[in-house]
Amino acid sequence: MAEGPELKRFERAVDVLAAVPDPLRRLDAMRTARERMEALEAAAVREARAAGATWKAIGALYGLSKQGAQQRFRGAVPADAEADGRAG
């Protein structure tokens, strides 16, 4: 599912990080990028759930079961959103 111009741009950005000559600067840039990606991932999970995506469908993207996806992203979706009938 991950293909297209977005992925190519992301790969170029990773190449830019890999080319940072100073290892500590590269490590700091990678840490910052990882934190931003994790926040983006959590937001995407919340949006997918709000749009009606099931935990099973989200888990399939990661090679996880429904339960595995719920455990991995437990903090990404507020508990009240899960209680309103979208628990599937």
PDB file of N, CA and C in Angstrom:
ATOM      1  N   MET A   1       0.817  -1.191   0.000  1.00  0.00           N
ATOM      2  CA  MET A   1       0.000   0.000   0.000  1.00  0.00           C
ATOM      3  C   MET A   1       0.867   1.263   0.000  1.00  0.00           C
ATOM      4  N   ALA A   2       2.067   1.184   0.567  1.00  0.00           N
ATOM      5  CA  ALA A   2       2.943   2.359   0.646  1.00  0.00           C
ATOM      6  C   ALA A   2       3.739   2.506  -0.644  1.00  0.00           C
ATOM      7  N   GLU A   3       3.226   3.323  -1.535  1.00  0.00           N
ATOM      8  CA  GLU A   3       3.924   3.607  -2.781  1.00  0.00           C
ATOM      9  C   GLU A   3       3.460   4.956  -3.291  1.00  0.00           C
ATOM     10  N   GLY A   4       4.085   5.443  -4.316  1.00  0.00           N
ATOM     11  CA  GLY A   4       3.663   6.706  -4.892  1.00  0.00           C
ATOM     12  C   GLY A   4       4.626   7.835  -4.566  1.00  0.00           C
ATOM     13  N   PRO A   5       4.257   9.043  -4.969  1.00  0.00           N
ATOM     14  CA  PRO A   5       5.162  10.179  -4.816  1.00  0.00           C
ATOM     15  C   PRO A   5       5.474  10.518  -3.361  1.00  0.00           C
ATOM     16  N   GLU A   6       4.527  10.245  -2.455  1.00  0.00           N
ATOM     17  CA  GLU A   6       4.781  10.532  -1.043  1.00  0.00           C
ATOM     18  C   GLU A   6       5.943   9.705  -0.522  1.00  0.00           C
ATOM     19  N   LEU A   7       5.952   8.422  -0.884  1.00  0.00           N
ATOM     20  CA  LEU A   7       7.020   7.535  -0.424  1.00  0.00           C
ATOM     21  C   LEU A   7       8.356   7.946  -1.023  1.00  0.00           C
ATOM     22  N   LYS A   8       8.364   8.340  -2.278  1.00  0.00           N
ATOM     23  CA  LYS A   8       9.618   8.772  -2.913  1.00  0.00           C
ATOM     24  C   LYS A   8      10.176  10.013  -2.219  1.00  0.00           C
ATOM     25  N   ARG A   9       9.294  10.957  -1.867  1.00  0.00           N
ATOM     26  CA  ARG A   9       9.752  12.155  -1.153  1.00  0.00           C
ATOM     27  C   ARG A   9      10.297  11.787   0.218  1.00  0.00           C
ATOM     28  N   PHE A  10       9.631  10.859   0.886  1.00  0.00           N
ATOM     29  CA  PHE A  10      10.104  10.410   2.195  1.00  0.00           C
ATOM     30  C   PHE A  10      11.477   9.748   2.068  1.00  0.00           C
ATOM     31  N   GLU A  11      11.654   8.910   1.073  1.00  0.00           N
ATOM     32  CA  GLU A  11      12.944   8.248   0.866  1.00  0.00           C
ATOM     33  C   GLU A  11      14.052   9.264   0.608  1.00  0.00           C
ATOM     34  N   ARG A  12      13.745  10.321  -0.129  1.00  0.00           N
ATOM     35  CA  ARG A  12      14.742  11.383  -0.347  1.00  0.00           C
ATOM     36  C   ARG A  12      15.091  12.071   0.963  1.00  0.00           C
ATOM     37  N   ALA A  13      14.101  12.310   1.802  1.00  0.00           N
ATOM     38  CA  ALA A  13      14.350  12.935   3.106  1.00  0.00           C
ATOM     39  C   ALA A  13      15.229  12.049   3.978  1.00  0.00           C
ATOM     40  N   VAL A  14      14.997  10.750   3.937  1.00  0.00           N
ATOM     41  CA  VAL A  14      15.841   9.813   4.693  1.00  0.00           C
ATOM     42  C   VAL A  14      17.267   9.858   4.163  1.00  0.00           C
ATOM     43  N   ASP A  15      17.424   9.931   2.859  1.00  0.00           N
ATOM     44  CA  ASP A  15      18.759  10.029   2.265  1.00  0.00           C
ATOM     45  C   ASP A  15      19.471  11.298   2.728  1.00  0.00           C
ATOM     46  N   VAL A  16      18.732  12.392   2.869  1.00  0.00           N
ATOM     47  CA  VAL A  16      19.326  13.642   3.363  1.00  0.00           C
ATOM     48  C   VAL A  16      19.817  13.438   4.794  1.00  0.00           C
ATOM     49  N   LEU A  17      19.014  12.798   5.631  1.00  0.00           N
ATOM     50  CA  LEU A  17      19.445  12.529   7.003  1.00  0.00           C
ATOM     51  C   LEU A  17      20.683  11.637   7.023  1.00  0.00           C
ATOM     52  N   ALA A  18      20.698  10.632   6.193  1.00  0.00           N
ATOM     53  CA  ALA A  18      21.829   9.710   6.151  1.00  0.00           C
ATOM     54  C   ALA A  18      23.115  10.403   5.726  1.00  0.00           C
ATOM     55  N   ALA A  19      22.994  11.502   5.000  1.00  0.00           N
ATOM     56  CA  ALA A  19      24.169  12.203   4.479  1.00  0.00           C
ATOM     57  C   ALA A  19      24.732  13.241   5.449  1.00  0.00           C
ATOM     58  N   VAL A  20      24.073  13.450   6.593  1.00  0.00           N
ATOM     59  CA  VAL A  20      24.611  14.409   7.573  1.00  0.00           C
ATOM     60  C   VAL A  20      25.954  13.870   8.053  1.00  0.00           C
ATOM     61  N   PRO A  21      27.039  14.616   7.843  1.00  0.00           N
ATOM     62  CA  PRO A  21      28.367  14.069   8.114  1.00  0.00           C
ATOM     63  C   PRO A  21      28.686  13.849   9.597  1.00  0.00           C
ATOM     64  N   ASP A  22      28.220  14.733  10.455  1.00  0.00           N
ATOM     65  CA  ASP A  22      28.517  14.596  11.888  1.00  0.00           C
ATOM     66  C   ASP A  22      27.553  13.592  12.511  1.00  0.00           C
ATOM     67  N   PRO A  23      28.080  12.508  13.114  1.00  0.00           N
ATOM     68  CA  PRO A  23      27.187  11.464  13.633  1.00  0.00           C
ATOM     69  C   PRO A  23      26.247  11.952  14.738  1.00  0.00           C
ATOM     70  N   LEU A  24      26.694  12.865  15.586  1.00  0.00           N
ATOM     71  CA  LEU A  24      25.800  13.363  16.638  1.00  0.00           C
ATOM     72  C   LEU A  24      24.698  14.240  16.059  1.00  0.00           C
ATOM     73  N   ARG A  25      25.030  15.077  15.090  1.00  0.00           N
ATOM     74  CA  ARG A  25      23.996  15.879  14.428  1.00  0.00           C
ATOM     75  C   ARG A  25      23.023  14.969  13.685  1.00  0.00           C
ATOM     76  N   ARG A  26      23.556  13.940  13.028  1.00  0.00           N
ATOM     77  CA  ARG A  26      22.696  12.987  12.303  1.00  0.00           C
ATOM     78  C   ARG A  26      21.772  12.274  13.285  1.00  0.00           C
ATOM     79  N   LEU A  27      22.317  11.849  14.420  1.00  0.00           N
ATOM     80  CA  LEU A  27      21.521  11.154  15.428  1.00  0.00           C
ATOM     81  C   LEU A  27      20.423  12.066  15.977  1.00  0.00           C
ATOM     82  N   ASP A  28      20.764  13.322  16.241  1.00  0.00           N
ATOM     83  CA  ASP A  28      19.765  14.263  16.752  1.00  0.00           C
ATOM     84  C   ASP A  28      18.677  14.514  15.714  1.00  0.00           C
ATOM     85  N   ALA A  29      19.066  14.662  14.457  1.00  0.00           N
ATOM     86  CA  ALA A  29      18.087  14.860  13.388  1.00  0.00           C
ATOM     87  C   ALA A  29      17.185  13.636  13.252  1.00  0.00           C
ATOM     88  N   MET A  30      17.757  12.452  13.391  1.00  0.00           N
ATOM     89  CA  MET A  30      16.972  11.223  13.291  1.00  0.00           C
ATOM     90  C   MET A  30      15.999  11.104  14.463  1.00  0.00           C
ATOM     91  N   ARG A  31      16.445  11.490  15.664  1.00  0.00           N
ATOM     92  CA  ARG A  31      15.573  11.450  16.834  1.00  0.00           C
ATOM     93  C   ARG A  31      14.383  12.380  16.628  1.00  0.00           C
ATOM     94  N   THR A  32      14.651  13.587  16.162  1.00  0.00           N
ATOM     95  CA  THR A  32      13.590  14.553  15.912  1.00  0.00           C
ATOM     96  C   THR A  32      12.624  14.031  14.851  1.00  0.00           C
ATOM     97  N   ALA A  33      13.160  13.480  13.786  1.00  0.00           N
ATOM     98  CA  ALA A  33      12.319  12.936  12.716  1.00  0.00           C
ATOM     99  C   ALA A  33      11.456  11.787  13.235  1.00  0.00           C
ATOM    100  N   ARG A  34      12.039  10.904  14.057  1.00  0.00           N
ATOM    101  CA  ARG A  34      11.282   9.776  14.605  1.00  0.00           C
ATOM    102  C   ARG A  34      10.139  10.271  15.482  1.00  0.00           C
ATOM    103  N   GLU A  35      10.405  11.262  16.323  1.00  0.00           N
ATOM    104  CA  GLU A  35       9.350  11.806  17.181  1.00  0.00           C
ATOM    105  C   GLU A  35       8.210  12.393  16.351  1.00  0.00           C
ATOM    106  N   ARG A  36       8.567  13.114  15.290  1.00  0.00           N
ATOM    107  CA  ARG A  36       7.532  13.696  14.424  1.00  0.00           C
ATOM    108  C   ARG A  36       6.751  12.601  13.699  1.00  0.00           C
ATOM    109  N   MET A  37       7.447  11.558  13.245  1.00  0.00           N
ATOM    110  CA  MET A  37       6.773  10.460  12.552  1.00  0.00           C
ATOM    111  C   MET A  37       5.836   9.717  13.499  1.00  0.00           C
ATOM    112  N   GLU A  38       6.250   9.512  14.742  1.00  0.00           N
ATOM    113  CA  GLU A  38       5.383   8.842  15.705  1.00  0.00           C
ATOM    114  C   GLU A  38       4.126   9.661  15.976  1.00  0.00           C
ATOM    115  N   ALA A  39       4.276  10.982  16.078  1.00  0.00           N
ATOM    116  CA  ALA A  39       3.114  11.842  16.287  1.00  0.00           C
ATOM    117  C   ALA A  39       2.192  11.802  15.066  1.00  0.00           C
ATOM    118  N   LEU A  40       2.780  11.811  13.879  1.00  0.00           N
ATOM    119  CA  LEU A  40       1.994  11.729  12.645  1.00  0.00           C
ATOM    120  C   LEU A  40       1.262  10.392  12.556  1.00  0.00           C
ATOM    121  N   GLU A  41       1.940   9.315  12.943  1.00  0.00           N
ATOM    122  CA  GLU A  41       1.338   7.986  12.929  1.00  0.00           C
ATOM    123  C   GLU A  41       0.149   7.927  13.893  1.00  0.00           C
ATOM    124  N   ALA A  42       0.318   8.455  15.103  1.00  0.00           N
ATOM    125  CA  ALA A  42      -0.765   8.455  16.086  1.00  0.00           C
ATOM    126  C   ALA A  42      -1.959   9.245  15.566  1.00  0.00           C
ATOM    127  N   ALA A  43      -1.692  10.392  14.944  1.00  0.00           N
ATOM    128  CA  ALA A  43      -2.781  11.197  14.382  1.00  0.00           C
ATOM    129  C   ALA A  43      -3.489  10.442  13.260  1.00  0.00           C
ATOM    130  N   ALA A  44      -2.730   9.742  12.437  1.00  0.00           N
ATOM    131  CA  ALA A  44      -3.336   8.978  11.337  1.00  0.00           C
ATOM    132  C   ALA A  44      -4.214   7.854  11.876  1.00  0.00           C
ATOM    133  N   VAL A  45      -3.781   7.214  12.955  1.00  0.00           N
ATOM    134  CA  VAL A  45      -4.602   6.164  13.568  1.00  0.00           C
ATOM    135  C   VAL A  45      -5.902   6.768  14.097  1.00  0.00           C
ATOM    136  N   ARG A  46      -5.798   7.900  14.790  1.00  0.00           N
ATOM    137  CA  ARG A  46      -7.012   8.557  15.298  1.00  0.00           C
ATOM    138  C   ARG A  46      -7.960   8.906  14.150  1.00  0.00           C
ATOM    139  N   GLU A  47      -7.406   9.469  13.078  1.00  0.00           N
ATOM    140  CA  GLU A  47      -8.236   9.854  11.930  1.00  0.00           C
ATOM    141  C   GLU A  47      -8.852   8.630  11.260  1.00  0.00           C
ATOM    142  N   ALA A  48      -8.079   7.566  11.135  1.00  0.00           N
ATOM    143  CA  ALA A  48      -8.608   6.343  10.523  1.00  0.00           C
ATOM    144  C   ALA A  48      -9.743   5.773  11.366  1.00  0.00           C
ATOM    145  N   ARG A  49      -9.550   5.739  12.673  1.00  0.00           N
ATOM    146  CA  ARG A  49     -10.606   5.230  13.553  1.00  0.00           C
ATOM    147  C   ARG A  49     -11.844   6.118  13.478  1.00  0.00           C
ATOM    148  N   ALA A  50     -11.645   7.440  13.469  1.00  0.00           N
ATOM    149  CA  ALA A  50     -12.776   8.367  13.393  1.00  0.00           C
ATOM    150  C   ALA A  50     -13.527   8.209  12.069  1.00  0.00           C
ATOM    151  N   ALA A  51     -12.803   7.811  11.025  1.00  0.00           N
ATOM    152  CA  ALA A  51     -13.414   7.609   9.712  1.00  0.00           C
ATOM    153  C   ALA A  51     -14.055   6.231   9.581  1.00  0.00           C
ATOM    154  N   GLY A  52     -13.950   5.416  10.634  1.00  0.00           N
ATOM    155  CA  GLY A  52     -14.608   4.113  10.621  1.00  0.00           C
ATOM    156  C   GLY A  52     -13.712   2.925  10.356  1.00  0.00           C
ATOM    157  N   ALA A  53     -12.405   3.138  10.241  1.00  0.00           N
ATOM    158  CA  ALA A  53     -11.492   2.009  10.019  1.00  0.00           C
ATOM    159  C   ALA A  53     -11.500   1.105  11.247  1.00  0.00           C
ATOM    160  N   THR A  54     -11.471  -0.185  11.010  1.00  0.00           N
ATOM    161  CA  THR A  54     -11.457  -1.149  12.113  1.00  0.00           C
ATOM    162  C   THR A  54     -10.029  -1.394  12.573  1.00  0.00           C
ATOM    163  N   TRP A  55      -9.909  -1.893  13.805  1.00  0.00           N
ATOM    164  CA  TRP A  55      -8.584  -2.277  14.305  1.00  0.00           C
ATOM    165  C   TRP A  55      -8.011  -3.407  13.450  1.00  0.00           C
ATOM    166  N   LYS A  56      -8.872  -4.257  12.935  1.00  0.00           N
ATOM    167  CA  LYS A  56      -8.410  -5.348  12.071  1.00  0.00           C
ATOM    168  C   LYS A  56      -7.731  -4.787  10.828  1.00  0.00           C
ATOM    169  N   ALA A  57      -8.336  -3.772  10.193  1.00  0.00           N
ATOM    170  CA  ALA A  57      -7.769  -3.168   8.980  1.00  0.00           C
ATOM    171  C   ALA A  57      -6.456  -2.444   9.296  1.00  0.00           C
ATOM    172  N   ILE A  58      -6.426  -1.732  10.417  1.00  0.00           N
ATOM    173  CA  ILE A  58      -5.190  -1.045  10.818  1.00  0.00           C
ATOM    174  C   ILE A  58      -4.108  -2.068  11.106  1.00  0.00           C
ATOM    175  N   GLY A  59      -4.456  -3.115  11.830  1.00  0.00           N
ATOM    176  CA  GLY A  59      -3.491  -4.166  12.147  1.00  0.00           C
ATOM    177  C   GLY A  59      -2.929  -4.820  10.896  1.00  0.00           C
ATOM    178  N   ALA A  60      -3.766  -5.012   9.891  1.00  0.00           N
ATOM    179  CA  ALA A  60      -3.311  -5.654   8.659  1.00  0.00           C
ATOM    180  C   ALA A  60      -2.187  -4.858   7.997  1.00  0.00           C
ATOM    181  N   LEU A  61      -2.237  -3.525   8.108  1.00  0.00           N
ATOM    182  CA  LEU A  61      -1.171  -2.698   7.525  1.00  0.00           C
ATOM    183  C   LEU A  61       0.183  -2.945   8.197  1.00  0.00           C
ATOM    184  N   TYR A  62       0.140  -3.377   9.433  1.00  0.00           N
ATOM    185  CA  TYR A  62       1.365  -3.586  10.215  1.00  0.00           C
ATOM    186  C   TYR A  62       1.700  -5.062  10.395  1.00  0.00           C
ATOM    187  N   GLY A  63       0.899  -5.922   9.819  1.00  0.00           N
ATOM    188  CA  GLY A  63       1.130  -7.354  10.015  1.00  0.00           C
ATOM    189  C   GLY A  63       0.769  -7.789  11.424  1.00  0.00           C
ATOM    190  N   LEU A  64      -0.210  -7.103  12.007  1.00  0.00           N
ATOM    191  CA  LEU A  64      -0.653  -7.394  13.369  1.00  0.00           C
ATOM    192  C   LEU A  64      -2.095  -7.867  13.359  1.00  0.00           C
ATOM    193  N   SER A  65      -2.464  -8.529  14.431  1.00  0.00           N
ATOM    194  CA  SER A  65      -3.866  -8.869  14.634  1.00  0.00           C
ATOM    195  C   SER A  65      -4.622  -7.632  15.106  1.00  0.00           C
ATOM    196  N   LYS A  66      -5.923  -7.750  15.186  1.00  0.00           N
ATOM    197  CA  LYS A  66      -6.741  -6.672  15.732  1.00  0.00           C
ATOM    198  C   LYS A  66      -6.241  -6.296  17.130  1.00  0.00           C
ATOM    199  N   GLN A  67      -5.998  -7.315  17.952  1.00  0.00           N
ATOM    200  CA  GLN A  67      -5.545  -7.072  19.317  1.00  0.00           C
ATOM    201  C   GLN A  67      -4.155  -6.439  19.337  1.00  0.00           C
ATOM    202  N   GLY A  68      -3.289  -6.873  18.427  1.00  0.00           N
ATOM    203  CA  GLY A  68      -1.948  -6.300  18.351  1.00  0.00           C
ATOM    204  C   GLY A  68      -1.984  -4.826  17.996  1.00  0.00           C
ATOM    205  N   ALA A  69      -2.864  -4.460  17.077  1.00  0.00           N
ATOM    206  CA  ALA A  69      -3.009  -3.053  16.695  1.00  0.00           C
ATOM    207  C   ALA A  69      -3.555  -2.245  17.861  1.00  0.00           C
ATOM    208  N   GLN A  70      -4.533  -2.796  18.564  1.00  0.00           N
ATOM    209  CA  GLN A  70      -5.090  -2.093  19.714  1.00  0.00           C
ATOM    210  C   GLN A  70      -4.016  -1.856  20.776  1.00  0.00           C
ATOM    211  N   GLN A  71      -3.188  -2.854  21.022  1.00  0.00           N
ATOM    212  CA  GLN A  71      -2.126  -2.708  22.027  1.00  0.00           C
ATOM    213  C   GLN A  71      -1.086  -1.692  21.575  1.00  0.00           C
ATOM    214  N   ARG A  72      -0.697  -1.760  20.312  1.00  0.00           N
ATOM    215  CA  ARG A  72       0.336  -0.853  19.811  1.00  0.00           C
ATOM    216  C   ARG A  72      -0.111   0.601  19.853  1.00  0.00           C
ATOM    217  N   PHE A  73      -1.364   0.855  19.505  1.00  0.00           N
ATOM    218  CA  PHE A  73      -1.851   2.222  19.385  1.00  0.00           C
ATOM    219  C   PHE A  73      -2.826   2.609  20.489  1.00  0.00           C
ATOM    220  N   ARG A  74      -2.800   1.915  21.573  1.00  0.00           N
ATOM    221  CA  ARG A  74      -3.729   2.147  22.672  1.00  0.00           C
ATOM    222  C   ARG A  74      -3.798   3.627  23.046  1.00  0.00           C
ATOM    223  N   GLY A  75      -2.654   4.300  23.151  1.00  0.00           N
ATOM    224  CA  GLY A  75      -2.638   5.700  23.564  1.00  0.00           C
ATOM    225  C   GLY A  75      -3.011   6.677  22.467  1.00  0.00           C
ATOM    226  N   ALA A  76      -3.088   6.220  21.239  1.00  0.00           N
ATOM    227  CA  ALA A  76      -3.355   7.124  20.114  1.00  0.00           C
ATOM    228  C   ALA A  76      -4.821   7.512  20.016  1.00  0.00           C
ATOM    229  N   VAL A  77      -5.707   6.652  20.501  1.00  0.00           N
ATOM    230  CA  VAL A  77      -7.139   6.894  20.376  1.00  0.00           C
ATOM    231  C   VAL A  77      -7.723   7.092  21.765  1.00  0.00           C
ATOM    232  N   PRO A  78      -8.372   8.238  22.007  1.00  0.00           N
ATOM    233  CA  PRO A  78      -8.967   8.476  23.327  1.00  0.00           C
ATOM    234  C   PRO A  78      -9.965   7.386  23.695  1.00  0.00           C
ATOM    235  N   ALA A  79     -10.025   7.062  24.968  1.00  0.00           N
ATOM    236  CA  ALA A  79     -10.903   5.993  25.447  1.00  0.00           C
ATOM    237  C   ALA A  79     -12.363   6.271  25.114  1.00  0.00           C
ATOM    238  N   ASP A  80     -12.808   7.534  25.161  1.00  0.00           N
ATOM    239  CA  ASP A  80     -14.204   7.827  24.867  1.00  0.00           C
ATOM    240  C   ASP A  80     -14.549   7.549  23.405  1.00  0.00           C
ATOM    241  N   ALA A  81     -13.568   7.645  22.511  1.00  0.00           N
ATOM    242  CA  ALA A  81     -13.815   7.322  21.107  1.00  0.00           C
ATOM    243  C   ALA A  81     -14.056   5.821  20.959  1.00  0.00           C
ATOM    244  N   GLU A  82     -13.387   5.035  21.769  1.00  0.00           N
ATOM    245  CA  GLU A  82     -13.558   3.590  21.718  1.00  0.00           C
ATOM    246  C   GLU A  82     -14.904   3.178  22.336  1.00  0.00           C
ATOM    247  N   ALA A  83     -15.373   3.944  23.283  1.00  0.00           N
ATOM    248  CA  ALA A  83     -16.597   3.609  23.970  1.00  0.00           C
ATOM    249  C   ALA A  83     -17.859   3.968  23.183  1.00  0.00           C
ATOM    250  N   ASP A  84     -17.708   4.751  22.132  1.00  0.00           N
ATOM    251  CA  ASP A  84     -18.895   5.214  21.400  1.00  0.00           C
ATOM    252  C   ASP A  84     -19.341   4.282  20.278  1.00  0.00           C
ATOM    253  N   GLY A  85     -18.838   3.046  20.302  1.00  0.00           N
ATOM    254  CA  GLY A  85     -19.320   2.076  19.336  1.00  0.00           C
ATOM    255  C   GLY A  85     -18.359   1.743  18.221  1.00  0.00           C
ATOM    256  N   ARG A  86     -17.190   2.349  18.217  1.00  0.00           N
ATOM    257  CA  ARG A  86     -16.201   2.047  17.165  1.00  0.00           C
ATOM    258  C   ARG A  86     -15.130   1.093  17.687  1.00  0.00           C
ATOM    259  N   ALA A  87     -15.443   0.286  18.663  1.00  0.00           N
ATOM    260  CA  ALA A  87     -14.455  -0.590  19.279  1.00  0.00           C
ATOM    261  C   ALA A  87     -13.964  -1.671  18.341  1.00  0.00           C
ATOM    262  N   GLY A  88     -14.655  -1.982  17.227  1.00  0.00           N
ATOM    263  CA  GLY A  88     -14.300  -3.061  16.309  1.00  0.00           C
ATOM    264  C   GLY A  88     -13.128  -2.851  15.567  1.00  0.00           C
TER     265      GLY A  88
END
